[in-house]
């Protein structure tokens, strides 16, 4: 625009000069210009040009500041934040678990579990297997255990024992003869099935050989042999794995009494016990006790103070003798009030008792009882009703093991003597 204005001004001046030179009639404006100083005319033209430029500039400013149409509000955009220092960022690494310290490792060695026992009899064998066969706290399924082709015969739920009863030639038994023995061998097989609704088992297969040894040679005399003999293996089992004892105890029943000395009127605390190994849990009974002045229980003077499982001393003499309530089946405790035989020169007493052990699962009855008299008959296990037949009548001392007709389980019994026990009179005050 500025160039156009300058060009028009120069054109105007040239046109004016040409008209004047051609003799054209000058206009009033041209007369004024001609009569004026040419220098002044040029200055005026320059001023006009300056004014035109200034007007154009003002118009341009006016058009920018005051637009003809309203403008839309401008949206302010977030400006990029410029940091003084460069930020370096990396994706975090995967977390690492803390390593636990490794301690010493002790290898557990398996412990041999005594869970199988056999009772070898004259015509049959009875094998008992604990349900916790491996001694790890897991009971086996009876259906998984067989004796050859034979299954479990019976189960003692109270003792958690499985029982096999078989003739010596049945259940796949094999025989072998040596110079001294006849051996019957049974194969006890365990094949575990998977746990219900799972494909896992927690025990391994096992095979156990069970043997019954019978001697081939016997010492005989001219006397006839008793056909009701007990197999040698059964006798050895009774001798080696069942120990009966009578022990003098302190009044609190904690320790064995160090001294056997008593005075008249003292209570003699006696504990009968049976120590078992491979057998089912047993309960001990004292069927008969007699006091004598010698080791021979059959000589006079003698006093039977326990008869047929009944401690009759309290009823006969009014003494404080009694059975103590049972704390465990393998022990039976009783107290006898100290006494002396009339006219006996010796103050010594020998006490001989017949002890018997039977399965703890057997019931308390007239045959299995421990009764005493204390203002009425009472029983050590609380079964008072079985004491109704207790009477102080002499009972012969049994001597041999017997079979019960109900369970067929052998009852182990023996005779134990305790003494000598010195009994002295109370010193005079």
Protein backbone atom coordinates (compact mmCIF):
# COMPACT_ATOMS: atom_id res chain seq x y z
CA UNK A 1 0.00 0.00 0.00
CA UNK A 2 2.81 2.43 0.81
CA UNK A 3 4.40 1.85 -2.59
CA UNK A 4 1.12 2.59 -4.33
CA UNK A 5 0.78 5.90 -2.51
CA UNK A 6 4.35 6.96 -3.36
CA UNK A 7 3.84 5.95 -6.98
CA UNK A 8 0.59 7.95 -7.19
CA UNK A 9 2.25 11.07 -5.74
CA UNK A 10 5.11 11.00 -8.23
CA UNK A 11 2.63 10.45 -11.05
CA UNK A 12 0.65 13.41 -9.86
CA UNK A 13 3.72 15.68 -9.90
CA UNK A 14 4.76 14.55 -13.34
CA UNK A 15 1.27 15.06 -14.68
CA UNK A 16 1.16 18.59 -13.27
CA UNK A 17 4.46 19.50 -14.85
CA UNK A 18 3.36 18.12 -18.20
CA UNK A 19 0.16 20.11 -18.18
CA UNK A 20 1.97 23.28 -17.41
CA UNK A 21 4.40 22.75 -20.20
CA UNK A 22 1.61 22.00 -22.73
CA UNK A 23 -0.21 25.20 -21.94
CA UNK A 24 -3.26 23.53 -20.46
CA UNK A 25 -5.51 25.70 -18.48
CA UNK A 26 -4.53 25.36 -15.02
CA UNK A 27 -7.06 24.62 -12.31
CA UNK A 28 -7.47 26.77 -9.34
CA UNK A 29 -5.33 24.25 -7.41
CA UNK A 30 -2.73 24.36 -10.21
CA UNK A 31 -2.70 28.18 -10.19
CA UNK A 32 -2.05 28.16 -6.52
CA UNK A 33 0.71 25.61 -7.05
CA UNK A 34 2.24 27.57 -9.83
CA UNK A 35 2.20 30.77 -7.98
CA UNK A 36 3.84 29.08 -5.00
CA UNK A 37 7.32 28.06 -4.51
CA UNK A 38 8.03 24.69 -6.05
CA UNK A 39 9.94 23.67 -2.92
CA UNK A 40 6.97 24.40 -0.79
CA UNK A 41 4.79 22.37 -3.09
CA UNK A 42 6.98 19.35 -2.72
CA UNK A 43 7.01 19.73 1.04
CA UNK A 44 3.27 19.86 1.05
CA UNK A 45 3.02 16.74 -1.02
CA UNK A 46 5.42 14.97 1.32
CA UNK A 47 3.31 16.04 4.28
CA UNK A 48 0.23 14.69 2.58
CA UNK A 49 2.02 11.44 1.98
CA UNK A 50 3.03 11.28 5.64
CA UNK A 51 -0.54 11.97 6.70
CA UNK A 52 -1.80 9.23 4.36
CA UNK A 53 0.70 6.77 5.77
CA UNK A 54 -0.29 7.67 9.31
CA UNK A 55 -3.97 7.24 8.48
CA UNK A 56 -3.38 3.88 6.90
CA UNK A 57 -1.43 2.79 9.99
CA UNK A 58 -4.19 3.92 12.31
CA UNK A 59 -6.79 2.13 10.23
CA UNK A 60 -4.73 -1.03 10.40
CA UNK A 61 -4.51 -0.81 14.21
CA UNK A 62 -8.21 -0.12 14.49
CA UNK A 63 -9.11 -3.10 12.36
CA UNK A 64 -6.91 -5.45 14.57
CA UNK A 65 -8.10 -4.21 17.91
CA UNK A 66 -11.77 -3.95 17.03
CA UNK A 67 -12.72 -6.80 14.76
CA UNK A 68 -16.00 -6.70 12.94
CA UNK A 69 -16.99 -10.13 14.25
CA UNK A 70 -16.68 -11.32 17.85
CA UNK A 71 -13.89 -13.77 18.37
CA UNK A 72 -14.32 -17.15 19.99
CA UNK A 73 -12.74 -17.46 23.41
CA UNK A 74 -9.34 -18.94 23.15
CA UNK A 75 -8.71 -22.23 24.89
CA UNK A 76 -5.60 -22.06 26.98
CA UNK A 77 -3.51 -25.13 26.47
CA UNK A 78 -1.27 -26.49 29.18
CA UNK A 79 2.19 -25.26 28.61
CA UNK A 80 4.99 -27.70 28.71
CA UNK A 81 6.72 -27.58 32.03
CA UNK A 82 10.40 -27.12 31.69
CA UNK A 83 12.54 -28.56 34.45
CA UNK A 84 15.90 -27.26 35.30
CA UNK A 85 17.32 -30.78 35.51
CA UNK A 86 16.62 -33.73 33.29
CA UNK A 87 14.56 -36.46 34.88
CA UNK A 88 15.69 -39.99 34.16
CA UNK A 89 12.99 -42.65 34.78
CA UNK A 90 13.23 -46.38 34.36
CA UNK A 91 10.61 -49.10 34.73
CA UNK A 92 11.03 -50.65 38.20
CA UNK A 93 12.62 -54.06 38.38
CA UNK A 94 10.70 -57.15 39.53
CA UNK A 95 10.59 -57.53 43.32
CA UNK A 96 12.87 -60.18 44.76
CA UNK A 97 11.73 -62.48 47.55
CA UNK A 98 13.75 -62.46 50.70
CA UNK A 99 15.91 -65.54 50.98
CA UNK A 100 15.39 -67.50 54.19
CA UNK A 101 18.44 -68.77 56.01
CA UNK A 102 19.10 -72.46 55.62
CA UNK A 103 19.46 -74.33 58.87
CA UNK A 104 20.91 -77.73 59.65
CA UNK A 105 18.95 -80.70 58.35
CA UNK A 106 18.55 -83.81 60.46
CA UNK A 107 17.66 -86.96 58.59
CA UNK A 108 14.85 -88.88 60.25
CA UNK A 109 15.59 -92.56 60.45
CA UNK A 110 12.58 -94.87 60.52
CA UNK A 111 11.81 -96.47 63.85
CA UNK A 112 10.87 -100.11 63.87
CA UNK A 113 7.22 -100.32 64.89
CA UNK A 114 6.19 -103.22 67.15
CA UNK A 115 2.68 -103.58 65.78
CA UNK A 116 2.37 -107.30 64.96
CA UNK A 117 2.10 -110.14 67.47
CA UNK A 118 1.34 -113.84 67.08
CA UNK A 119 -0.07 -116.37 69.53
CA UNK A 120 0.94 -119.84 68.33
CA UNK A 121 -1.38 -122.49 69.74
CA UNK A 122 -1.67 -126.23 69.40
CA UNK A 123 -3.97 -126.27 66.38
CA UNK A 124 -4.20 -122.65 65.32
CA UNK A 125 -2.45 -119.31 65.22
CA UNK A 126 -3.87 -115.93 66.25
CA UNK A 127 -2.17 -112.92 64.68
CA UNK A 128 -2.85 -109.43 65.97
CA UNK A 129 -2.01 -106.32 63.92
CA UNK A 130 -2.41 -102.76 65.16
CA UNK A 131 -4.42 -100.56 62.82
CA UNK A 132 -1.54 -98.09 63.03
CA UNK A 133 0.59 -100.75 61.40
CA UNK A 134 3.49 -98.48 60.46
CA UNK A 135 3.48 -96.44 63.69
CA UNK A 136 2.95 -93.15 61.86
CA UNK A 137 -0.48 -92.24 63.22
CA UNK A 138 -2.48 -93.37 60.14
CA UNK A 139 -4.88 -96.30 60.46
CA UNK A 140 -4.90 -98.82 57.65
CA UNK A 141 -8.03 -100.04 55.91
CA UNK A 142 -8.80 -103.61 57.13
CA UNK A 143 -9.79 -104.56 53.58
CA UNK A 144 -6.21 -103.86 52.44
CA UNK A 145 -4.68 -106.41 54.86
CA UNK A 146 -4.74 -110.15 54.19
CA UNK A 147 -3.14 -113.25 55.65
CA UNK A 148 -2.40 -115.14 52.47
CA UNK A 149 -5.85 -115.31 50.82
CA UNK A 150 -7.70 -114.81 54.13
CA UNK A 151 -9.19 -111.55 55.30
CA UNK A 152 -9.45 -110.10 58.79
CA UNK A 153 -11.34 -112.38 61.18
CA UNK A 154 -12.23 -109.85 63.90
CA UNK A 155 -11.50 -106.30 65.00
CA UNK A 156 -11.01 -104.95 68.52
CA UNK A 157 -12.29 -101.38 68.15
CA UNK A 158 -11.31 -100.34 71.67
CA UNK A 159 -7.69 -101.47 71.23
CA UNK A 160 -7.59 -100.58 67.50
CA UNK A 161 -6.32 -104.08 66.66
CA UNK A 162 -7.09 -106.36 63.70
CA UNK A 163 -7.19 -110.11 64.44
CA UNK A 164 -6.52 -113.10 62.18
CA UNK A 165 -7.45 -116.55 63.52
CA UNK A 166 -6.48 -119.50 61.35
CA UNK A 167 -5.60 -123.15 61.53
CA UNK A 168 -1.94 -123.95 61.14
CA UNK A 169 -2.46 -125.42 57.66
CA UNK A 170 -4.86 -122.75 56.32
CA UNK A 171 -4.47 -119.27 54.78
CA UNK A 172 -1.59 -120.31 52.55
CA UNK A 173 0.67 -121.42 55.40
CA UNK A 174 3.88 -123.22 54.46
CA UNK A 175 5.81 -125.66 56.62
CA UNK A 176 9.51 -126.24 57.06
CA UNK A 177 11.30 -128.78 59.20
CA UNK A 178 14.66 -128.31 60.85
CA UNK A 179 16.61 -130.58 63.17
CA UNK A 180 14.91 -129.17 66.24
CA UNK A 181 11.76 -127.37 65.10
CA UNK A 182 8.67 -127.55 62.94
CA UNK A 183 8.03 -124.09 61.46
CA UNK A 184 4.73 -122.79 60.08
CA UNK A 185 5.09 -119.62 58.00
CA UNK A 186 2.25 -117.22 57.16
CA UNK A 187 2.43 -114.32 54.69
CA UNK A 188 0.84 -111.10 55.95
CA UNK A 189 0.30 -108.82 52.96
CA UNK A 190 -0.69 -105.16 52.93
CA UNK A 191 -1.66 -103.50 49.65
CA UNK A 192 -3.04 -100.00 50.22
CA UNK A 193 -5.91 -98.70 48.13
CA UNK A 194 -6.19 -95.05 47.19
CA UNK A 195 -7.90 -92.72 49.60
CA UNK A 196 -11.60 -92.02 48.89
CA UNK A 197 -12.17 -89.46 46.12
CA UNK A 198 -8.40 -88.97 45.70
CA UNK A 199 -5.66 -90.67 43.68
CA UNK A 200 -3.18 -90.70 46.58
CA UNK A 201 -2.01 -93.20 49.20
CA UNK A 202 -0.10 -92.42 52.37
CA UNK A 203 1.33 -95.84 53.14
CA UNK A 204 3.42 -98.25 51.13
CA UNK A 205 2.96 -101.90 50.35
CA UNK A 206 4.35 -104.34 52.87
CA UNK A 207 4.80 -108.08 53.28
CA UNK A 208 5.55 -109.63 56.66
CA UNK A 209 6.48 -113.24 57.35
CA UNK A 210 4.90 -114.60 60.52
CA UNK A 211 6.33 -117.83 61.88
CA UNK A 212 5.28 -120.30 64.54
CA UNK A 213 8.04 -122.57 65.82
CA UNK A 214 7.23 -125.87 67.52
CA UNK A 215 9.91 -128.11 69.08
CA UNK A 216 10.31 -131.56 67.54
CA UNK A 217 11.99 -133.10 70.56
CA UNK A 218 10.49 -133.47 74.04
CA UNK A 219 11.75 -134.88 77.30
CA UNK A 220 9.38 -137.66 78.40
CA UNK A 221 9.19 -139.92 81.41
CA UNK A 222 7.31 -143.09 82.27
CA UNK A 223 4.35 -140.95 83.28
CA UNK A 224 1.67 -140.36 80.65
CA UNK A 225 1.80 -137.09 78.72
CA UNK A 226 -0.93 -134.58 79.33
CA UNK A 227 -2.55 -133.95 75.92
CA UNK A 228 -3.69 -130.46 76.96
CA UNK A 229 -0.28 -128.93 76.40
CA UNK A 230 0.45 -125.31 75.51
CA UNK A 231 2.76 -124.73 72.50
CA UNK A 232 6.30 -123.81 73.38
CA UNK A 233 6.09 -120.53 71.45
CA UNK A 234 3.02 -119.42 73.41
CA UNK A 235 4.75 -120.18 76.70
CA UNK A 236 7.87 -118.28 75.64
CA UNK A 237 5.77 -115.31 74.61
CA UNK A 238 4.12 -115.29 78.02
CA UNK A 239 7.45 -115.57 79.78
CA UNK A 240 9.35 -113.03 77.69
CA UNK A 241 6.76 -110.35 77.00
CA UNK A 242 4.50 -110.37 80.09
CA UNK A 243 5.97 -109.51 83.48
CA UNK A 244 3.80 -109.66 86.60
CA UNK A 245 4.95 -108.02 89.80
CA UNK A 246 3.92 -107.22 93.37
CA UNK A 247 5.55 -104.11 94.82
CA UNK A 248 5.41 -102.45 98.24
CA UNK A 249 4.66 -98.77 97.65
CA UNK A 250 4.81 -95.58 99.71
CA UNK A 251 1.54 -94.18 101.04
CA UNK A 252 1.27 -91.69 98.13
CA UNK A 253 1.71 -94.49 95.55
CA UNK A 254 4.58 -92.66 93.82
CA UNK A 255 7.67 -94.62 94.88
CA UNK A 256 8.57 -98.17 95.79
CA UNK A 257 8.91 -98.44 99.57
CA UNK A 258 12.58 -98.66 100.58
CA UNK A 259 11.84 -100.48 103.85
CA UNK A 260 9.68 -103.54 104.47
CA UNK A 261 9.33 -102.81 108.22
CA UNK A 262 5.75 -102.22 109.46
CA UNK A 263 4.01 -101.92 112.80
CA UNK A 264 0.70 -103.43 113.80
CA UNK A 265 -2.14 -101.30 112.43
CA UNK A 266 -0.09 -99.79 109.58
CA UNK A 267 -1.53 -99.97 106.08
CA UNK A 268 0.62 -102.07 103.75
CA UNK A 269 0.28 -100.52 100.26
CA UNK A 270 0.74 -103.14 97.53
CA UNK A 271 0.66 -102.62 93.77
CA UNK A 272 0.04 -105.49 91.35
CA UNK A 273 1.04 -104.76 87.76
CA UNK A 274 1.59 -106.39 84.40
CA UNK A 275 4.11 -105.10 81.88
CA UNK A 276 3.10 -105.73 78.29
CA UNK A 277 4.94 -105.44 75.00
CA UNK A 278 3.36 -106.75 71.79
CA UNK A 279 -0.01 -107.61 73.28
CA UNK A 280 -3.28 -105.77 73.12
CA UNK A 281 -3.98 -103.57 76.17
CA UNK A 282 -4.39 -105.75 79.25
CA UNK A 283 -6.20 -105.41 82.57
CA UNK A 284 -4.68 -107.06 85.65
CA UNK A 285 -6.68 -108.74 88.42
CA UNK A 286 -5.76 -110.21 91.81
CA UNK A 287 -7.87 -113.34 92.14
CA UNK A 288 -6.44 -114.75 95.35
CA UNK A 289 -4.00 -113.69 98.09
CA UNK A 290 -2.87 -115.60 101.15
CA UNK A 291 -0.58 -114.52 104.01
CA UNK A 292 1.71 -117.05 105.67
CA UNK A 293 4.77 -117.11 107.91
CA UNK A 294 6.80 -119.12 105.36
CA UNK A 295 7.30 -119.17 101.61
CA UNK A 296 4.95 -122.14 101.27
CA UNK A 297 1.43 -120.74 100.84
CA UNK A 298 -0.18 -124.06 101.74
CA UNK A 299 1.10 -124.45 105.31
CA UNK A 300 -0.61 -123.24 108.45
CA UNK A 301 -1.04 -120.71 109.86
CA UNK A 302 -2.41 -119.05 106.74
CA UNK A 303 -4.92 -116.28 106.09
CA UNK A 304 -6.66 -115.86 102.71
CA UNK A 305 -7.61 -112.17 102.63
CA UNK A 306 -8.52 -112.04 98.90
CA UNK A 307 -10.78 -114.76 97.47
CA UNK A 308 -12.24 -114.88 93.98
CA UNK A 309 -11.36 -111.21 93.40
CA UNK A 310 -12.95 -110.10 96.70
CA UNK A 311 -10.85 -108.51 99.45
CA UNK A 312 -12.69 -109.97 102.46
CA UNK A 313 -10.42 -108.70 105.26
CA UNK A 314 -12.56 -105.61 105.79
CA UNK A 315 -15.68 -107.72 106.27
CA UNK A 316 -14.10 -110.40 108.45
CA UNK A 317 -12.09 -108.18 110.81
CA UNK A 318 -13.47 -104.66 110.26
CA UNK A 319 -10.02 -103.51 109.08
CA UNK A 320 -9.36 -100.66 106.66
CA UNK A 321 -8.11 -103.03 103.97
CA UNK A 322 -9.43 -102.10 100.51
CA UNK A 323 -8.76 -101.87 96.78
CA UNK A 324 -7.85 -98.41 95.44
CA UNK A 325 -9.97 -97.13 92.51
CA UNK A 326 -8.21 -97.95 89.24
CA UNK A 327 -6.00 -95.34 87.63
CA UNK A 328 -4.89 -97.58 84.75
CA UNK A 329 -5.83 -101.06 83.59
CA UNK A 330 -2.33 -102.53 83.86
CA UNK A 331 -2.10 -101.73 87.60
CA UNK A 332 -4.24 -102.71 90.59
CA UNK A 333 -3.48 -101.24 94.02
CA UNK A 334 -4.76 -102.39 97.41
CA UNK A 335 -4.02 -101.82 101.09
CA UNK A 336 -3.82 -104.46 103.81
CA UNK A 337 -3.83 -103.54 107.49
CA UNK A 338 -0.71 -105.05 109.12
CA UNK A 339 -1.31 -108.00 111.50
CA UNK A 340 0.42 -110.95 113.20
CA UNK A 341 -0.63 -114.55 113.59
CA UNK A 342 -1.74 -115.53 117.08
CA UNK A 343 0.90 -117.61 118.81
CA UNK A 344 3.42 -117.35 115.97
CA UNK A 345 6.99 -116.97 117.13
CA UNK A 346 8.01 -115.14 113.97
CA UNK A 347 6.85 -111.65 113.15
CA UNK A 348 7.45 -112.21 109.43
CA UNK A 349 4.75 -112.30 106.78
CA UNK A 350 4.86 -113.68 103.25
CA UNK A 351 2.11 -112.63 100.85
CA UNK A 352 1.44 -114.90 97.87
CA UNK A 353 -1.03 -113.71 95.22
CA UNK A 354 -2.44 -115.18 92.05
CA UNK A 355 -2.33 -112.48 89.33
CA UNK A 356 -4.22 -112.68 86.07
CA UNK A 357 -4.21 -110.47 82.97
CA UNK A 358 -6.91 -110.37 80.34
CA UNK A 359 -7.81 -108.05 77.48
CA UNK A 360 -8.76 -104.58 78.65
CA UNK A 361 -11.79 -104.73 76.36
CA UNK A 362 -13.28 -107.59 78.41
CA UNK A 363 -16.19 -106.68 80.64
CA UNK A 364 -16.14 -106.42 84.42
CA UNK A 365 -18.14 -109.40 85.70
CA UNK A 366 -18.15 -112.06 88.40
CA UNK A 367 -14.96 -113.51 86.93
CA UNK A 368 -13.13 -110.23 86.30
CA UNK A 369 -13.51 -108.02 89.37
CA UNK A 370 -11.69 -106.30 92.25
CA UNK A 371 -14.18 -105.96 95.12
CA UNK A 372 -13.69 -104.79 98.72
CA UNK A 373 -15.89 -104.18 101.75
CA UNK A 374 -16.30 -100.63 103.09
CA UNK A 375 -19.76 -100.30 104.64
CA UNK A 376 -20.91 -102.40 101.70
CA UNK A 377 -19.31 -104.10 98.73
CA UNK A 378 -17.62 -101.84 96.18
CA UNK A 379 -15.59 -102.48 93.02
CA UNK A 380 -12.34 -100.75 91.97
CA UNK A 381 -13.70 -99.92 88.51
CA UNK A 382 -17.04 -98.70 89.85
CA UNK A 383 -19.07 -101.78 88.78
CA UNK A 384 -20.53 -102.48 92.22
CA UNK A 385 -23.20 -104.88 90.94
CA UNK A 386 -20.64 -107.62 90.25
CA UNK A 387 -19.72 -107.83 93.95
CA UNK A 388 -23.02 -109.34 95.09
CA UNK A 389 -21.58 -112.86 95.27
CA UNK A 390 -18.49 -111.94 97.32
CA UNK A 391 -18.38 -114.25 100.34
CA UNK A 392 -15.38 -115.26 102.51
CA UNK A 393 -15.26 -118.88 101.35
CA UNK A 394 -11.96 -120.56 100.63
CA UNK A 395 -10.97 -120.71 96.95
CA UNK A 396 -8.11 -122.96 95.77
CA UNK A 397 -5.15 -121.18 94.23
CA UNK A 398 -5.24 -121.49 90.39
CA UNK A 399 -1.94 -122.24 88.72
CA UNK A 400 -2.25 -122.63 84.95
CA UNK A 401 -3.42 -120.42 82.07
CA UNK A 402 -6.96 -121.03 80.91
CA UNK A 403 -8.96 -120.35 77.78
CA UNK A 404 -12.20 -118.42 78.09
CA UNK A 405 -15.17 -119.76 76.23
CA UNK A 406 -16.41 -116.33 75.13
CA UNK A 407 -13.49 -114.68 73.36
CA UNK A 408 -11.04 -117.54 72.92
CA UNK A 409 -8.21 -115.23 74.00
CA UNK A 410 -5.60 -116.66 76.32
CA UNK A 411 -5.66 -115.28 79.86
CA UNK A 412 -2.16 -114.97 81.27
CA UNK A 413 -1.80 -115.71 84.96
CA UNK A 414 0.96 -116.36 87.42
CA UNK A 415 1.77 -116.62 91.11
CA UNK A 416 3.89 -113.97 92.83
CA UNK A 417 5.23 -113.95 96.40
CA UNK A 418 6.15 -110.82 98.33
CA UNK A 419 8.24 -110.90 101.50
CA UNK A 420 9.45 -111.37 104.09
CA UNK A 421 7.67 -108.41 105.67
CA UNK A 422 8.60 -107.79 109.33
CA UNK A 423 5.63 -106.81 111.49
CA UNK A 424 6.44 -105.45 114.95
CA UNK A 425 4.34 -104.20 117.82
CA UNK A 426 4.00 -100.50 118.48
CA UNK A 427 6.52 -99.29 121.07
CA UNK A 428 5.08 -98.47 124.50
CA UNK A 429 4.95 -94.79 125.37
